[in-house]
Amino acid sequence: MVDMNPGTQPKSPEELRSHQWYGTDGLRSFSHRARTRQLGYLSEEHLGKPVIAILNTWSDINPCHVHLRDRAQAVKRGVWQAGGFPLEFPVATLSETFQKPTPMLYRNLLAMETEELLRSYPVDGAVLMGGCDKSTPALLMGAASVDLPAVFVPAGPMLPGHWRGETLGSGTDMWKYWDDKRAGLIGDCEMQELESGLARSPGHCMTMGTASTLTAAAEALGVTVPGASSIPAVDSGHDRMAAAAGLRIVELVHRDRKLGDILTADAFEDAVTTVLGLGGSTNAVIHLIAMAGRAGVTLTLDDFDRIARTVPVLANVRPGGQTYLMEDFHFAGGLPGFLSRITDLLHLDRPTVCHDTMREQLDGALVHHDDVIRPRGNPVASEGGVAVLRGNLCPDGAVIKHIAAEPRLLRHTGPAVVFDDYRTMQRTINDPDLDITADSVLVLRGSGPRGGPGMPEYGMLPIPDHLLKQGVRDMLRISDARMSGTSYGACVLHVAPESHVGGPLALVRTGDPITLDVAARTLHLGVDDEELERRRAAWTPPPARYERGYGALYDEQITQADTGCDFEFLARSGKVQDPYAG
C-alpha cells in the first residue's frame, strides 16, 4: 500500500539543507568534510545526498523500545537503498515503567531535544523512532516545531501475555489481578507466575492503552507507513516497515513534503475521530492538543466532545472492548481496516507521508474479523469512548473514559472522601475511620501538572480492601491526575484548573456531595458559591515543588491539562531561524 513515487526528480545537492554544512568552499565546510572522514565515511557515501537523522529512543531500561537498536539498522538499510545518508542520534528514552515521578514530566524535554537536534545538525529529514506513551507526542511535537520532512516508526505492541490458560493484557490485567490479590482471591505463588507471563516480549502494551492509542493517532495523522501502528514489535513485518520508512523519508526530502504539510487541522480532527472510535486512552486528549498546538492548529476539549457524539466505538480491544488485544487487531485489518469503516467521518483528500491523499492510502483496506473491528451496525459503544465534563468542580474541563466504567456510576451522587496527595491516600485508604462505602466519591488532589509534579497516572485510585472483599470493583474517583491507558473504571481525570494552582478541587472537603452525570456532561460539587468563596479566601498556595534545575523550568512554564501541558515558551507562535553553518 506504499506509493514510493519512484519517478520523483531528486533535489540537486545545492537544494539540500545539508549543503550549507558540506557543500560550500569555506573553512567550515572543509572542517565538516574532514570530520566526516574521521567518522570513516567516504565522500561518495554522503556528499550531495539527503542526510537523514534517525532519532532513536532505544534504552536498556525501556522494555517498550529495547528492540529499536535493531530496527534502526533496518531504517538505515532503507535510507541507503533510496540514496540517502543515515545518521543515528540517541535521544532521551521515556520509560513508562521505570521513570519517576512520571515520564510526563519529561515529555517536553524530549520534545525540546528533538527540535534542537534537528535544527542544529546537517539534517534534511528525520525518522522518529518511539512508541511508549510519551515518546510519540514528544518526538512529533519537536519535529513539528522544526518542520522538516519526517516519518514516524512506531515501536509496536508486545506479544499477548499468558497465564494458566488466560490471555493477558499488560497493564489492564495487572490492575485486575492486583485487586484479586488484595481481595484474597489469589496469593503470592500466582503473582510470581503472573510476573513472568504478563509481558513476554519487547514492545509497548498490547492493549488499547496510551501507547497503542497514540501510535494509532500518528498513523491516522498520516506520518507513518500504512498499517505500521499495530505490527507486533517482534514480527518480521516490523523490520520491513522500518526499512520502508527509511526508503520513504528520502523520497519525502526530494518531494519537499514537510511535516507541516501533513499535520493539518483536518488531520488532527481525523486523529481525534480515530482515538474515540478505538475507545482509546484519555491521555490522547492532552497529547493531541499539545501536538496540534505545535503544528499551528487549535484543538480543544470541545472538539473531542463534539466528535465523540458522532463516532461509534468499533474496536473490541481491551480495556475499552471486552475481548481482544493488539495482535488480533493487526491481523483483523489494523488501522487501515478500522478506518475503512468510518470513511464518511474522515477527511480523505489530505496528504500523508506515503500517498497524495488518505483516500488513496485506504484504497483496498479490508476487515478480516468482524468481532475485533466491529461493523457500524454492531458497535462496542454507540458513541466515542471519552466524554468531556464541565461544572463548578472543573470549570476548564475534565474527562472520563465512560465505556470502561460500570454503567451504574455514569450518573451518581455520593459524599466525597478527600486525599490531599497520593502518599497520604496510599497510607490511609484502608483506614476504617474514613467510613468509605461503595457510594463514596474518592477525591485525590495535588496530582496535576504542577502538583504531581508532572501529572502522574494516579487517577485510578485503589478501592479499599474491605470493599474489594465484598465484590466491589468500581467506584467514582475524581482527580487532577491522569490514568494509565491500560486502566479502567469510573475515573474522572484531568480536572482543570488543578488544585495546586487553586482550582475548585482544592476547596473540596470530605462529606461534600458530588454529582457526576455523563449523559449531561456535568460534574458538580454540591456546595453553594458563598461557602466556596469562604474556603477560597482561607486557601494557601502550596510551596513550589522545585527550587532549581529542569523541575524549576517545568514548574514555571507548564500549562494546564486542557491546553496540553506544553511549555508556554514552546507552545507560543514565533519563528526560529536556521543556524548559520558557514
Protein backbone atom coordinates (compact mmCIF):
# COMPACT_ATOMS: atom_id res chain seq x y z
CA MET A 1 0.00 0.00 0.00
CA VAL A 2 3.04 2.31 -0.01
CA ASP A 3 3.31 4.53 -3.08
CA MET A 4 7.02 5.22 -3.33
CA ASN A 5 6.66 7.59 -6.33
CA PRO A 6 9.95 6.38 -7.84
CA GLY A 7 9.75 8.93 -10.62
CA THR A 8 10.24 11.97 -8.39
CA GLN A 9 13.12 14.13 -9.59
CA PRO A 10 15.87 14.17 -6.92
CA LYS A 11 16.88 17.52 -5.50
CA SER A 12 20.20 18.88 -6.67
CA PRO A 13 22.92 18.84 -3.98
CA GLU A 14 22.68 22.62 -3.71
CA GLU A 15 18.98 22.41 -2.82
CA LEU A 16 19.56 20.22 0.22
CA ARG A 17 19.60 21.82 3.67
CA SER A 18 22.76 19.83 4.50
CA HIS A 19 24.57 21.54 1.62
CA GLN A 20 25.33 24.58 3.78
CA TRP A 21 27.34 22.31 6.09
CA TYR A 22 29.07 20.22 3.42
CA GLY A 23 28.94 21.88 0.04
CA THR A 24 30.49 25.35 0.22
CA ASP A 25 34.13 26.36 -0.32
CA GLY A 26 34.67 27.84 3.15
CA LEU A 27 36.74 26.71 6.08
CA ARG A 28 33.72 25.38 7.98
CA SER A 29 32.64 23.08 5.16
CA PHE A 30 36.22 21.83 4.86
CA SER A 31 36.14 21.06 8.58
CA HIS A 32 32.77 19.31 8.33
CA ARG A 33 34.01 17.10 5.48
CA ALA A 34 37.24 16.33 7.30
CA ARG A 35 35.39 15.32 10.46
CA THR A 36 33.06 13.11 8.41
CA ARG A 37 36.18 11.37 7.05
CA GLN A 38 37.20 10.97 10.70
CA LEU A 39 33.94 9.08 11.21
CA GLY A 40 35.07 6.67 8.49
CA TYR A 41 32.81 7.75 5.63
CA LEU A 42 33.90 8.19 2.03
CA SER A 43 32.87 11.38 0.28
CA GLU A 44 30.85 9.27 -2.18
CA GLU A 45 28.76 7.93 0.70
CA HIS A 46 27.29 11.26 1.76
CA LEU A 47 28.15 14.30 -0.37
CA GLY A 48 25.17 15.53 -2.35
CA LYS A 49 22.81 13.02 -0.70
CA PRO A 50 19.91 13.72 1.67
CA VAL A 51 21.14 13.42 5.25
CA ILE A 52 18.56 11.57 7.33
CA ALA A 53 18.54 11.78 11.12
CA ILE A 54 17.28 8.65 12.85
CA LEU A 55 16.14 9.73 16.32
CA ASN A 56 16.19 6.58 18.41
CA THR A 57 14.67 6.32 21.89
CA TRP A 58 16.22 2.87 22.49
CA SER A 59 17.46 2.14 26.00
CA ASP A 60 18.36 -0.85 28.17
CA ILE A 61 15.84 0.40 30.75
CA ASN A 62 12.91 0.80 28.35
CA PRO A 63 11.29 -2.58 27.58
CA CYS A 64 8.94 -0.92 25.09
CA HIS A 65 11.90 0.20 22.97
CA VAL A 66 14.61 -2.36 23.70
CA HIS A 67 14.37 -3.70 20.11
CA LEU A 68 14.74 -0.28 18.45
CA ARG A 69 18.53 -0.60 18.27
CA ASP A 70 17.96 -3.38 15.70
CA ARG A 71 15.12 -1.54 13.96
CA ALA A 72 17.39 1.45 13.40
CA GLN A 73 19.54 -0.80 11.23
CA ALA A 74 16.51 -1.60 9.09
CA VAL A 75 15.76 2.12 8.74
CA LYS A 76 19.36 2.72 7.66
CA ARG A 77 19.05 -0.09 5.13
CA GLY A 78 16.08 1.68 3.57
CA VAL A 79 17.79 5.07 3.57
CA TRP A 80 20.92 3.70 1.88
CA GLN A 81 18.79 1.86 -0.69
CA ALA A 82 16.96 5.10 -1.56
CA GLY A 83 20.19 7.04 -1.97
CA GLY A 84 20.28 8.87 1.34
CA PHE A 85 22.84 9.10 4.12
CA PRO A 86 21.53 7.95 7.54
CA LEU A 87 22.86 9.17 10.87
CA GLU A 88 21.52 7.74 14.13
CA PHE A 89 21.00 10.08 17.08
CA PRO A 90 20.32 8.71 20.56
CA VAL A 91 17.66 10.78 22.31
CA ALA A 92 16.01 10.61 25.72
CA THR A 93 14.06 7.46 26.45
CA LEU A 94 10.80 7.88 28.35
CA SER A 95 10.08 4.56 30.02
CA GLU A 96 6.54 4.46 31.36
CA THR A 97 7.51 1.53 33.55
CA PHE A 98 10.51 2.93 35.36
CA GLN A 99 10.77 6.72 35.11
CA LYS A 100 9.51 8.58 38.19
CA PRO A 101 7.55 10.50 39.21
CA THR A 102 6.24 10.14 35.65
CA PRO A 103 7.68 10.39 32.13
CA MET A 104 5.03 13.06 31.52
CA LEU A 105 7.34 15.34 33.49
CA TYR A 106 9.92 14.83 30.73
CA ARG A 107 7.76 14.72 27.58
CA ASN A 108 8.56 18.34 26.84
CA LEU A 109 12.26 17.73 27.49
CA LEU A 110 12.34 15.11 24.72
CA ALA A 111 10.35 17.47 22.51
CA MET A 112 12.97 20.17 23.10
CA GLU A 113 15.81 17.75 22.40
CA THR A 114 14.14 16.60 19.19
CA GLU A 115 13.59 20.14 17.98
CA GLU A 116 17.09 21.38 18.74
CA LEU A 117 18.90 18.32 17.33
CA LEU A 118 17.03 18.53 14.03
CA ARG A 119 17.58 22.26 13.78
CA SER A 120 21.27 22.36 14.75
CA TYR A 121 22.69 19.46 12.70
CA PRO A 122 23.10 18.99 8.90
CA VAL A 123 19.78 17.19 8.53
CA ASP A 124 17.42 17.13 5.53
CA GLY A 125 14.79 14.81 7.01
CA ALA A 126 14.15 12.60 10.02
CA VAL A 127 12.88 9.19 11.03
CA LEU A 128 11.43 9.30 14.54
CA MET A 129 11.50 6.03 16.49
CA GLY A 130 9.26 5.71 19.54
CA GLY A 131 6.06 4.25 20.88
CA CYS A 132 5.99 4.13 24.67
CA ASP A 133 3.33 6.57 25.87
CA LYS A 134 5.07 9.97 25.97
CA SER A 135 7.67 9.35 23.25
CA THR A 136 5.23 9.52 20.34
CA PRO A 137 3.87 13.00 21.14
CA ALA A 138 7.29 14.27 22.25
CA LEU A 139 9.00 13.31 19.00
CA LEU A 140 6.20 14.68 16.84
CA MET A 141 5.92 17.90 18.86
CA GLY A 142 9.63 18.61 18.46
CA ALA A 143 9.72 17.66 14.80
CA ALA A 144 6.65 19.77 14.06
CA SER A 145 8.37 22.80 15.52
CA VAL A 146 11.25 22.36 13.06
CA ASP A 147 9.03 21.33 10.12
CA LEU A 148 11.35 19.11 8.13
CA PRO A 149 10.20 16.01 6.24
CA ALA A 150 9.69 13.25 8.81
CA VAL A 151 8.35 9.70 9.17
CA PHE A 152 7.39 8.10 12.47
CA VAL A 153 8.31 4.45 13.20
CA PRO A 154 6.11 3.00 15.98
CA ALA A 155 7.77 0.58 18.38
CA GLY A 156 4.88 -1.87 18.07
CA PRO A 157 2.92 -3.83 20.68
CA MET A 158 4.41 -6.74 22.61
CA LEU A 159 3.10 -10.29 22.30
CA PRO A 160 -0.01 -11.24 24.28
CA GLY A 161 0.56 -12.44 27.81
CA HIS A 162 -0.41 -15.91 29.00
CA TRP A 163 -1.11 -17.44 32.40
CA ARG A 164 -2.94 -20.65 33.31
CA GLY A 165 -4.99 -20.68 30.14
CA GLU A 166 -5.78 -16.96 30.32
CA THR A 167 -4.69 -14.46 27.65
CA LEU A 168 -3.32 -11.43 29.48
CA GLY A 169 -3.23 -7.77 28.53
CA SER A 170 -0.31 -5.88 30.05
CA GLY A 171 -1.36 -3.17 32.44
CA THR A 172 -5.07 -3.99 32.27
CA ASP A 173 -4.64 -7.44 33.81
CA MET A 174 -2.00 -6.11 36.18
CA TRP A 175 -4.68 -3.93 37.79
CA LYS A 176 -7.23 -6.76 37.75
CA TYR A 177 -5.06 -9.40 39.40
CA TRP A 178 -3.59 -6.96 41.90
CA ASP A 179 -7.12 -6.26 43.08
CA ASP A 180 -7.75 -10.01 43.21
CA LYS A 181 -4.68 -10.39 45.44
CA ARG A 182 -5.87 -7.61 47.75
CA ALA A 183 -9.28 -9.26 47.89
CA GLY A 184 -7.65 -12.53 48.93
CA LEU A 185 -8.66 -14.41 45.76
CA ILE A 186 -5.09 -15.29 44.71
CA GLY A 187 -1.78 -15.47 46.56
CA ASP A 188 1.95 -14.91 46.18
CA CYS A 189 2.56 -18.01 44.05
CA GLU A 190 0.05 -16.86 41.46
CA MET A 191 1.52 -13.36 41.46
CA GLN A 192 5.02 -14.74 40.83
CA GLU A 193 3.69 -16.67 37.84
CA LEU A 194 1.95 -13.54 36.56
CA GLU A 195 5.23 -11.61 36.75
CA SER A 196 6.65 -13.94 34.09
CA GLY A 197 3.51 -14.20 31.97
CA LEU A 198 2.26 -10.64 31.74
CA ALA A 199 4.89 -9.10 29.42
CA ARG A 200 6.55 -11.65 27.15
CA SER A 201 8.49 -9.70 24.55
CA PRO A 202 9.85 -6.29 23.58
CA GLY A 203 7.23 -3.73 22.64
CA HIS A 204 4.71 -1.45 24.28
CA CYS A 205 1.45 -2.55 25.94
CA MET A 206 -0.63 -4.76 23.68
CA THR A 207 -3.92 -3.38 24.97
CA MET A 208 -5.51 -0.22 23.56
CA GLY A 209 -3.61 1.72 26.20
CA THR A 210 -1.89 5.05 25.72
CA ALA A 211 0.93 3.66 23.58
CA SER A 212 -1.33 1.87 21.08
CA THR A 213 -3.74 4.82 21.09
CA LEU A 214 -1.05 7.35 20.24
CA THR A 215 0.72 5.28 17.61
CA ALA A 216 -2.69 4.76 16.01
CA ALA A 217 -3.20 8.53 16.19
CA ALA A 218 0.17 9.01 14.45
CA GLU A 219 -0.91 6.66 11.67
CA ALA A 220 -4.25 8.45 11.38
CA LEU A 221 -2.39 11.76 11.14
CA GLY A 222 -0.58 10.28 8.16
CA VAL A 223 3.01 10.28 9.46
CA THR A 224 3.65 6.50 9.37
CA VAL A 225 3.80 3.80 6.75
CA PRO A 226 0.22 2.46 6.35
CA GLY A 227 -0.60 -0.25 8.87
CA ALA A 228 2.53 0.46 10.90
CA SER A 229 0.94 1.18 14.27
CA SER A 230 -0.30 -2.32 15.08
CA ILE A 231 2.52 -4.54 13.77
CA PRO A 232 3.77 -6.61 16.73
CA ALA A 233 7.23 -5.49 17.79
CA VAL A 234 8.85 -8.89 17.20
CA ASP A 235 7.10 -9.67 13.91
CA SER A 236 9.34 -9.68 10.82
CA GLY A 237 6.85 -7.26 9.32
CA HIS A 238 8.08 -4.71 11.83
CA ASP A 239 11.58 -4.90 10.33
CA ARG A 240 10.14 -4.46 6.86
CA MET A 241 8.06 -1.48 8.00
CA ALA A 242 11.18 0.18 9.43
CA ALA A 243 13.03 -0.32 6.14
CA ALA A 244 10.05 1.10 4.23
CA ALA A 245 10.16 4.18 6.45
CA GLY A 246 13.84 4.62 5.54
CA LEU A 247 13.01 4.39 1.86
CA ARG A 248 10.15 6.81 2.25
CA ILE A 249 11.94 9.61 4.07
CA VAL A 250 14.42 10.08 1.23
CA GLU A 251 11.53 10.40 -1.21
CA LEU A 252 9.87 12.97 1.07
CA VAL A 253 13.05 15.07 1.12
CA HIS A 254 13.18 15.05 -2.68
CA ARG A 255 9.49 15.98 -2.87
CA ASP A 256 9.94 18.64 -0.16
CA ARG A 257 6.88 17.28 1.65
CA LYS A 258 7.36 18.62 5.16
CA LEU A 259 5.68 17.57 8.38
CA GLY A 260 3.62 20.76 8.30
CA ASP A 261 2.08 19.62 5.01
CA ILE A 262 0.80 16.51 6.79
CA LEU A 263 -0.19 17.86 10.22
CA THR A 264 -3.21 19.90 9.13
CA ALA A 265 -6.39 20.75 11.02
CA ASP A 266 -8.18 18.02 9.05
CA ALA A 267 -5.52 15.50 10.04
CA PHE A 268 -5.92 16.29 13.73
CA GLU A 269 -9.69 16.06 13.52
CA ASP A 270 -9.29 12.62 11.93
CA ALA A 271 -6.84 11.61 14.66
CA VAL A 272 -9.40 12.57 17.31
CA THR A 273 -12.08 10.61 15.45
CA THR A 274 -9.73 7.61 15.34
CA VAL A 275 -8.87 7.73 19.03
CA LEU A 276 -12.52 7.97 20.04
CA GLY A 277 -13.60 5.21 17.68
CA LEU A 278 -10.88 2.94 19.05
CA GLY A 279 -12.04 3.51 22.63
CA GLY A 280 -8.53 4.82 23.22
CA SER A 281 -6.73 6.33 26.17
CA THR A 282 -7.78 9.57 27.84
CA ASN A 283 -4.11 10.58 27.70
CA ALA A 284 -4.55 11.19 23.99
CA VAL A 285 -6.65 14.25 24.80
CA ILE A 286 -3.70 16.05 26.38
CA HIS A 287 -1.15 14.88 23.83
CA LEU A 288 -3.15 15.62 20.70
CA ILE A 289 -3.95 19.12 21.94
CA ALA A 290 -0.23 19.72 22.53
CA MET A 291 0.79 18.19 19.19
CA ALA A 292 -1.78 20.27 17.33
CA GLY A 293 -0.54 23.42 19.01
CA ARG A 294 2.99 22.77 17.78
CA ALA A 295 1.63 22.38 14.26
CA GLY A 296 -0.22 25.69 14.50
CA VAL A 297 -3.63 24.00 14.81
CA THR A 298 -6.12 24.92 17.53
CA LEU A 299 -7.62 21.80 19.11
CA THR A 300 -9.78 21.96 22.24
CA LEU A 301 -11.68 19.77 24.67
CA ASP A 302 -14.89 20.87 22.98
CA ASP A 303 -13.63 19.35 19.71
CA PHE A 304 -13.21 16.00 21.45
CA ASP A 305 -16.69 16.13 22.91
CA ARG A 306 -18.25 17.22 19.62
CA ILE A 307 -16.58 14.42 17.67
CA ALA A 308 -17.30 11.84 20.37
CA ARG A 309 -21.01 12.27 19.74
CA THR A 310 -20.60 11.32 16.06
CA VAL A 311 -18.29 8.30 16.09
CA PRO A 312 -19.08 4.81 17.44
CA VAL A 313 -16.51 2.62 19.19
CA LEU A 314 -15.73 -0.21 16.78
CA ALA A 315 -12.51 -1.68 18.23
CA ASN A 316 -13.28 -4.57 20.56
CA VAL A 317 -9.83 -4.29 22.14
CA ARG A 318 -9.23 -4.22 25.88
CA PRO A 319 -9.71 -2.28 28.09
CA GLY A 320 -12.48 -0.36 26.27
CA GLY A 321 -13.54 -3.54 24.50
CA GLN A 322 -14.02 -6.85 26.22
CA THR A 323 -12.03 -9.44 24.35
CA TYR A 324 -9.09 -8.83 22.05
CA LEU A 325 -5.55 -7.43 22.05
CA MET A 326 -3.44 -5.54 19.52
CA GLU A 327 -2.13 -8.58 17.65
CA ASP A 328 -5.74 -9.58 17.00
CA PHE A 329 -6.46 -6.01 15.84
CA HIS A 330 -3.48 -6.10 13.49
CA PHE A 331 -4.47 -9.32 11.77
CA ALA A 332 -8.10 -8.21 11.64
CA GLY A 333 -7.04 -5.38 9.32
CA GLY A 334 -5.17 -2.97 11.56
CA LEU A 335 -5.83 0.74 11.39
CA PRO A 336 -6.44 0.78 7.60
CA GLY A 337 -9.22 -1.77 8.09
CA PHE A 338 -10.63 0.18 11.03
CA LEU A 339 -10.57 3.48 9.11
CA SER A 340 -12.25 1.83 6.12
CA ARG A 341 -15.36 1.52 8.30
CA ILE A 342 -15.57 5.20 9.18
CA THR A 343 -14.52 6.85 5.91
CA ASP A 344 -17.62 9.06 5.95
CA LEU A 345 -16.28 10.65 9.16
CA LEU A 346 -12.80 11.36 7.76
CA HIS A 347 -11.14 13.98 5.57
CA LEU A 348 -9.94 11.75 2.75
CA ASP A 349 -8.34 14.32 0.46
CA ARG A 350 -5.47 15.31 2.75
CA PRO A 351 -1.89 14.09 2.14
CA THR A 352 0.08 11.50 4.09
CA VAL A 353 3.76 10.66 4.04
CA CYS A 354 3.10 7.77 1.63
CA HIS A 355 0.22 8.98 -0.55
CA ASP A 356 -1.12 12.17 -2.03
CA THR A 357 -4.43 11.54 -0.27
CA MET A 358 -5.74 9.45 2.60
CA ARG A 359 -8.31 8.18 0.12
CA GLU A 360 -5.53 6.51 -1.88
CA GLN A 361 -3.95 5.17 1.29
CA LEU A 362 -7.16 3.40 2.33
CA ASP A 363 -7.93 2.03 -1.13
CA GLY A 364 -8.32 -1.74 -0.79
CA ALA A 365 -8.26 -1.77 3.02
CA LEU A 366 -10.30 -4.65 4.45
CA VAL A 367 -11.52 -6.01 7.77
CA HIS A 368 -10.96 -9.74 8.27
CA HIS A 369 -12.64 -10.28 11.65
CA ASP A 370 -15.93 -8.57 12.42
CA ASP A 371 -15.78 -9.13 16.17
CA VAL A 372 -12.37 -7.47 16.53
CA ILE A 373 -13.21 -4.48 14.33
CA ARG A 374 -16.96 -4.24 14.57
CA PRO A 375 -19.29 -3.15 11.74
CA ARG A 376 -21.13 0.11 12.26
CA GLY A 377 -24.36 -1.78 12.95
CA ASN A 378 -22.81 -3.69 15.87
CA PRO A 379 -20.56 -1.24 17.74
CA VAL A 380 -18.87 -1.77 21.09
CA ALA A 381 -20.47 1.55 22.08
CA SER A 382 -22.73 3.91 20.19
CA GLU A 383 -20.52 6.95 20.72
CA GLY A 384 -16.84 7.73 21.28
CA GLY A 385 -15.16 6.34 24.35
CA VAL A 386 -14.25 9.64 26.07
CA ALA A 387 -16.62 12.27 27.47
CA VAL A 388 -15.66 15.85 28.37
CA LEU A 389 -17.24 17.15 31.57
CA ARG A 390 -17.92 20.71 32.76
CA GLY A 391 -19.20 22.11 36.02
CA ASN A 392 -18.25 24.07 39.11
CA LEU A 393 -15.68 21.41 40.04
CA CYS A 394 -13.96 21.59 36.65
CA PRO A 395 -14.62 24.97 35.02
CA ASP A 396 -11.91 24.34 32.41
CA GLY A 397 -12.96 20.75 31.85
CA ALA A 398 -12.33 17.15 32.88
CA VAL A 399 -12.52 13.83 31.05
CA ILE A 400 -13.82 10.32 31.71
CA LYS A 401 -13.42 7.12 29.68
CA HIS A 402 -17.00 6.17 30.34
CA ILE A 403 -17.05 2.99 28.24
CA ALA A 404 -14.60 1.48 30.77
CA ALA A 405 -16.80 2.31 33.79
CA GLU A 406 -19.63 0.38 35.37
CA PRO A 407 -22.89 1.82 33.94
CA ARG A 408 -24.40 2.35 37.41
CA LEU A 409 -21.77 5.03 38.10
CA LEU A 410 -22.32 7.13 34.99
CA ARG A 411 -24.99 9.06 36.88
CA HIS A 412 -24.07 9.09 40.53
CA THR A 413 -24.15 11.30 43.62
CA GLY A 414 -22.08 10.49 46.67
CA PRO A 415 -20.13 12.02 49.56
CA ALA A 416 -16.52 12.99 48.92
CA VAL A 417 -13.62 11.32 50.71
CA VAL A 418 -10.69 13.66 50.11
CA PHE A 419 -6.98 12.84 49.96
CA ASP A 420 -4.51 15.73 49.72
CA ASP A 421 -1.79 13.72 47.98
CA TYR A 422 -1.08 10.24 46.66
CA ARG A 423 1.17 9.13 49.52
CA THR A 424 -1.48 10.03 52.07
CA MET A 425 -4.05 8.13 50.03
CA GLN A 426 -1.84 5.02 49.91
CA ARG A 427 -1.29 5.16 53.66
CA THR A 428 -4.90 5.75 54.69
CA ILE A 429 -7.19 4.27 52.02
CA ASN A 430 -7.96 1.27 54.23
CA ASP A 431 -8.48 3.31 57.42
CA PRO A 432 -11.87 2.20 58.79
CA ASP A 433 -12.38 5.64 60.35
CA LEU A 434 -12.87 7.07 56.84
CA ASP A 435 -16.08 5.05 56.58
CA ILE A 436 -15.73 4.59 52.82
CA THR A 437 -18.67 2.84 51.16
CA ALA A 438 -19.34 1.80 47.58
CA ASP A 439 -21.27 5.07 47.12
CA SER A 440 -18.42 7.29 48.31
CA VAL A 441 -16.59 9.51 45.82
CA LEU A 442 -12.81 9.21 46.21
CA VAL A 443 -11.15 12.57 45.54
CA LEU A 444 -7.40 12.98 45.02
CA ARG A 445 -5.78 16.38 44.65
CA GLY A 446 -2.20 17.61 44.45
CA SER A 447 -1.56 15.39 41.41
CA GLY A 448 -1.94 17.73 38.45
CA PRO A 449 0.69 19.16 36.09
CA ARG A 450 2.37 21.28 38.77
CA GLY A 451 1.16 19.48 41.86
CA GLY A 452 2.12 15.93 40.87
CA PRO A 453 4.60 17.02 39.70
CA GLY A 454 4.11 16.05 36.08
CA MET A 455 0.53 14.84 36.39
CA PRO A 456 1.30 11.18 37.27
CA GLU A 457 -1.03 8.31 36.45
CA TYR A 458 -2.60 8.26 39.90
CA GLY A 459 -6.19 8.64 38.70
CA MET A 460 -7.24 5.01 39.09
CA LEU A 461 -7.41 5.26 42.87
CA PRO A 462 -7.44 1.87 44.62
CA ILE A 463 -10.70 0.58 46.02
CA PRO A 464 -10.39 -0.11 49.77
CA ASP A 465 -9.64 -3.74 50.65
CA HIS A 466 -12.85 -4.25 52.60
CA LEU A 467 -14.93 -3.26 49.57
CA LEU A 468 -12.92 -5.49 47.22
CA LYS A 469 -13.65 -8.41 49.52
CA GLN A 470 -17.35 -7.55 49.24
CA GLY A 471 -17.10 -7.77 45.45
CA VAL A 472 -16.96 -4.03 44.66
CA ARG A 473 -14.82 -3.49 41.55
CA ASP A 474 -15.64 0.10 40.61
CA MET A 475 -16.22 3.40 42.40
CA LEU A 476 -16.44 7.01 41.30
CA ARG A 477 -12.99 8.55 41.56
CA ILE A 478 -12.03 12.16 40.76
CA SER A 479 -8.59 13.76 40.46
CA ASP A 480 -6.42 16.28 38.65
CA ALA A 481 -4.13 13.37 37.74
CA ARG A 482 -4.07 11.18 34.64
CA MET A 483 -4.83 7.47 34.37
CA SER A 484 -2.91 4.76 32.55
CA GLY A 485 -4.49 3.96 29.22
CA THR A 486 -4.50 0.32 30.28
CA SER A 487 -6.73 1.17 33.27
CA TYR A 488 -10.50 1.08 33.63
CA GLY A 489 -13.21 2.29 35.96
CA ALA A 490 -15.32 5.37 36.69
CA CYS A 491 -12.37 7.72 36.97
CA VAL A 492 -12.81 11.44 36.28
CA LEU A 493 -9.42 12.82 35.25
CA HIS A 494 -7.56 15.97 34.20
CA VAL A 495 -9.69 18.25 36.40
CA ALA A 496 -8.73 21.78 35.35
CA PRO A 497 -7.57 24.01 36.73
CA GLU A 498 -5.67 21.72 39.09
CA SER A 499 -5.80 22.01 42.87
CA HIS A 500 -2.14 23.11 43.11
CA VAL A 501 -2.98 26.43 41.43
CA GLY A 502 -6.20 26.96 43.39
CA GLY A 503 -8.72 25.20 41.19
CA PRO A 504 -12.05 24.22 42.80
CA LEU A 505 -10.68 20.75 43.58
CA ALA A 506 -8.56 22.44 46.27
CA LEU A 507 -11.74 23.51 48.07
CA VAL A 508 -13.50 20.14 48.37
CA ARG A 509 -13.95 18.73 51.86
CA THR A 510 -14.76 15.22 52.99
CA GLY A 511 -18.52 14.79 53.12
CA ASP A 512 -19.31 17.30 50.34
CA PRO A 513 -21.80 15.83 47.85
CA ILE A 514 -20.51 15.41 44.29
CA THR A 515 -22.68 14.56 41.30
CA LEU A 516 -21.48 13.05 38.03
CA ASP A 517 -23.84 12.92 35.06
CA VAL A 518 -22.02 11.65 31.96
CA ALA A 519 -25.05 11.96 29.69
CA ALA A 520 -25.37 15.64 30.65
CA ARG A 521 -21.55 16.03 30.61
CA THR A 522 -21.57 17.60 34.08
CA LEU A 523 -19.54 17.31 37.28
CA HIS A 524 -20.96 19.32 40.17
CA LEU A 525 -19.84 20.00 43.72
CA GLY A 526 -22.92 20.43 45.90
CA VAL A 527 -21.64 23.41 47.91
CA ASP A 528 -23.05 26.90 47.48
CA ASP A 529 -20.98 29.69 45.99
CA GLU A 530 -20.73 31.71 49.22
CA GLU A 531 -19.23 28.77 51.10
CA LEU A 532 -16.79 28.11 48.27
CA GLU A 533 -15.68 31.74 48.38
CA ARG A 534 -15.05 31.47 52.13
CA ARG A 535 -12.94 28.37 51.55
CA ARG A 536 -11.07 30.07 48.73
CA ALA A 537 -10.20 33.03 50.95
CA ALA A 538 -8.73 30.63 53.51
CA TRP A 539 -6.77 28.58 50.93
CA THR A 540 -2.97 28.87 50.97
CA PRO A 541 -0.94 28.03 47.84
CA PRO A 542 1.39 25.07 48.40
CA PRO A 543 5.15 25.58 48.10
CA ALA A 544 6.87 25.11 44.75
CA ARG A 545 7.97 21.53 44.05
CA TYR A 546 11.40 22.55 42.75
CA GLU A 547 13.89 25.27 43.65
CA ARG A 548 16.28 24.70 40.73
CA GLY A 549 17.04 22.65 37.63
CA TYR A 550 14.73 21.31 34.97
CA GLY A 551 11.96 20.93 37.53
CA ALA A 552 12.02 24.67 38.22
CA LEU A 553 11.75 25.39 34.48
CA TYR A 554 8.88 22.91 34.27
CA ASP A 555 7.05 24.50 37.22
CA GLU A 556 7.43 27.95 35.68
CA GLN A 557 6.37 27.08 32.13
CA ILE A 558 3.89 24.18 32.24
CA THR A 559 0.35 24.85 31.06
CA GLN A 560 -2.78 23.13 32.35
CA ALA A 561 -4.29 19.86 31.11
CA ASP A 562 -6.99 21.47 28.98
CA THR A 563 -4.32 23.18 26.85
CA GLY A 564 -1.98 20.21 26.50
CA CYS A 565 0.58 20.59 29.32
CA ASP A 566 3.14 22.09 26.94
CA PHE A 567 5.70 24.69 27.98
CA GLU A 568 4.41 28.19 27.35
CA PHE A 569 7.62 29.31 25.64
CA LEU A 570 7.49 26.29 23.30
CA ALA A 571 3.76 26.42 22.58
CA ARG A 572 3.62 30.07 21.60
CA SER A 573 3.89 31.08 17.95
CA GLY A 574 7.03 32.60 16.52
CA LYS A 575 9.84 31.95 14.08
CA VAL A 576 13.19 30.35 14.89
CA GLN A 577 15.97 30.89 12.37
CA ASP A 578 18.06 28.05 11.00
CA PRO A 579 21.64 28.22 12.27
CA TYR A 580 24.34 29.70 10.07
CA ALA A 581 26.68 26.83 9.23
CA GLY A 582 29.38 28.71 7.36
